[in-house]
Amino acid sequence: MNEDNSVIESSEIEGMSVAEKLRTMEQLWDALSRDSHEVASPAWHGDVLAQRKRRAERGEAKFLTLDQLRARLRSQGAWR
């Protein structure tokens, strides 16, 4: 961190292990979740959700089980 301990420098992030980076991300998401009332979702988020809901209502949406999702992510190298 810099001298006032308020910001993590890029070089510090680069020096972190993957586990440390993930823990840091989790801490950030937890903090953002607590302050979520201060962050407005962009309008396009609502548009995407409405489109997905319409597709589901028309029976056009495809859903995966958790096992299917894991298999897909593994095949893409995104899940270990």
C-alpha atoms as a PDB file:
ATOM      1  CA  MET A   1       0.000   0.000   0.000  1.00  0.00           C
ATOM      2  CA  ASN A   2       1.072   3.557  -0.456  1.00  0.00           C
ATOM      3  CA  GLU A   3       2.056   5.795   2.422  1.00  0.00           C
ATOM      4  CA  ASP A   4      -1.505   6.595   3.525  1.00  0.00           C
ATOM      5  CA  ASN A   5      -2.570   2.900   3.310  1.00  0.00           C
ATOM      6  CA  SER A   6      -5.559   3.764   1.124  1.00  0.00           C
ATOM      7  CA  VAL A   7      -4.643   2.292  -2.253  1.00  0.00           C
ATOM      8  CA  ILE A   8      -2.967  -0.903  -3.363  1.00  0.00           C
ATOM      9  CA  GLU A   9      -0.317  -0.200  -5.946  1.00  0.00           C
ATOM     10  CA  SER A  10      -0.297  -2.201  -9.197  1.00  0.00           C
ATOM     11  CA  SER A  11       3.118  -3.610  -8.358  1.00  0.00           C
ATOM     12  CA  GLU A  12       1.734  -4.995  -5.092  1.00  0.00           C
ATOM     13  CA  ILE A  13      -1.114  -6.699  -6.929  1.00  0.00           C
ATOM     14  CA  GLU A  14       1.337  -8.238  -9.389  1.00  0.00           C
ATOM     15  CA  GLY A  15       3.317  -9.615  -6.464  1.00  0.00           C
ATOM     16  CA  MET A  16       0.301 -11.364  -4.937  1.00  0.00           C
ATOM     17  CA  SER A  17      -0.361 -15.045  -5.340  1.00  0.00           C
ATOM     18  CA  VAL A  18      -3.586 -16.054  -7.088  1.00  0.00           C
ATOM     19  CA  ALA A  19      -5.078 -16.973  -3.704  1.00  0.00           C
ATOM     20  CA  GLU A  20      -4.211 -13.528  -2.319  1.00  0.00           C
ATOM     21  CA  LYS A  21      -5.727 -11.823  -5.366  1.00  0.00           C
ATOM     22  CA  LEU A  22      -8.938 -13.843  -4.984  1.00  0.00           C
ATOM     23  CA  ARG A  23      -9.182 -13.015  -1.269  1.00  0.00           C
ATOM     24  CA  THR A  24      -8.677  -9.337  -2.088  1.00  0.00           C
ATOM     25  CA  MET A  25     -11.391  -9.482  -4.755  1.00  0.00           C
ATOM     26  CA  GLU A  26     -13.764 -11.155  -2.298  1.00  0.00           C
ATOM     27  CA  GLN A  27     -13.096  -8.422   0.238  1.00  0.00           C
ATOM     28  CA  LEU A  28     -13.775  -5.761  -2.398  1.00  0.00           C
ATOM     29  CA  TRP A  29     -17.040  -7.420  -3.467  1.00  0.00           C
ATOM     30  CA  ASP A  30     -18.133  -7.710   0.170  1.00  0.00           C
ATOM     31  CA  ALA A  31     -17.423  -4.019   0.718  1.00  0.00           C
ATOM     32  CA  LEU A  32     -19.205  -3.033  -2.508  1.00  0.00           C
ATOM     33  CA  SER A  33     -22.195  -5.201  -1.566  1.00  0.00           C
ATOM     34  CA  ARG A  34     -22.549  -3.383   1.730  1.00  0.00           C
ATOM     35  CA  ASP A  35     -22.520  -0.076  -0.145  1.00  0.00           C
ATOM     36  CA  SER A  36     -24.653  -1.250  -3.069  1.00  0.00           C
ATOM     37  CA  HIS A  37     -27.240   1.476  -2.458  1.00  0.00           C
ATOM     38  CA  GLU A  38     -24.564   3.974  -3.512  1.00  0.00           C
ATOM     39  CA  VAL A  39     -23.991   2.322  -6.890  1.00  0.00           C
ATOM     40  CA  ALA A  40     -26.733   2.569  -9.474  1.00  0.00           C
ATOM     41  CA  SER A  41     -26.969  -0.169 -12.065  1.00  0.00           C
ATOM     42  CA  PRO A  42     -26.733   1.113 -15.611  1.00  0.00           C
ATOM     43  CA  ALA A  43     -29.991   1.107 -17.582  1.00  0.00           C
ATOM     44  CA  TRP A  44     -28.709  -1.579 -19.927  1.00  0.00           C
ATOM     45  CA  HIS A  45     -28.641  -4.068 -17.024  1.00  0.00           C
ATOM     46  CA  GLY A  46     -32.417  -3.791 -16.780  1.00  0.00           C
ATOM     47  CA  ASP A  47     -32.711  -4.187 -20.544  1.00  0.00           C
ATOM     48  CA  VAL A  48     -30.645  -7.393 -20.510  1.00  0.00           C
ATOM     49  CA  LEU A  49     -32.672  -8.827 -17.631  1.00  0.00           C
ATOM     50  CA  ALA A  50     -35.954  -7.995 -19.384  1.00  0.00           C
ATOM     51  CA  GLN A  51     -34.739  -9.688 -22.595  1.00  0.00           C
ATOM     52  CA  ARG A  52     -33.723 -12.797 -20.673  1.00  0.00           C
ATOM     53  CA  LYS A  53     -37.055 -12.917 -18.871  1.00  0.00           C
ATOM     54  CA  ARG A  54     -38.956 -12.682 -22.176  1.00  0.00           C
ATOM     55  CA  ARG A  55     -36.854 -15.500 -23.651  1.00  0.00           C
ATOM     56  CA  ALA A  56     -37.534 -17.672 -20.598  1.00  0.00           C
ATOM     57  CA  GLU A  57     -41.265 -16.933 -20.755  1.00  0.00           C
ATOM     58  CA  ARG A  58     -41.330 -17.888 -24.461  1.00  0.00           C
ATOM     59  CA  GLY A  59     -39.467 -21.122 -23.693  1.00  0.00           C
ATOM     60  CA  GLU A  60     -36.459 -20.004 -25.748  1.00  0.00           C
ATOM     61  CA  ALA A  61     -33.967 -19.863 -22.892  1.00  0.00           C
ATOM     62  CA  LYS A  62     -31.572 -22.727 -22.285  1.00  0.00           C
ATOM     63  CA  PHE A  63     -30.646 -23.594 -18.728  1.00  0.00           C
ATOM     64  CA  LEU A  64     -27.726 -25.632 -17.474  1.00  0.00           C
ATOM     65  CA  THR A  65     -27.447 -27.726 -14.361  1.00  0.00           C
ATOM     66  CA  LEU A  66     -24.569 -26.865 -12.068  1.00  0.00           C
ATOM     67  CA  ASP A  67     -22.728 -29.991 -13.248  1.00  0.00           C
ATOM     68  CA  GLN A  68     -23.207 -28.981 -16.907  1.00  0.00           C
ATOM     69  CA  LEU A  69     -21.909 -25.489 -16.161  1.00  0.00           C
ATOM     70  CA  ARG A  70     -18.857 -26.858 -14.376  1.00  0.00           C
ATOM     71  CA  ALA A  71     -18.130 -29.208 -17.299  1.00  0.00           C
ATOM     72  CA  ARG A  72     -18.420 -26.321 -19.774  1.00  0.00           C
ATOM     73  CA  LEU A  73     -16.117 -24.123 -17.707  1.00  0.00           C
ATOM     74  CA  ARG A  74     -13.597 -26.948 -17.327  1.00  0.00           C
ATOM     75  CA  SER A  75     -13.565 -27.539 -21.081  1.00  0.00           C
ATOM     76  CA  GLN A  76     -12.859 -23.832 -21.587  1.00  0.00           C
ATOM     77  CA  GLY A  77     -10.069 -23.892 -19.020  1.00  0.00           C
ATOM     78  CA  ALA A  78     -11.974 -21.498 -16.756  1.00  0.00           C
ATOM     79  CA  TRP A  79     -12.636 -23.990 -13.952  1.00  0.00           C
ATOM     80  CA  ARG A  80     -10.246 -26.340 -12.228  1.00  0.00           C
END
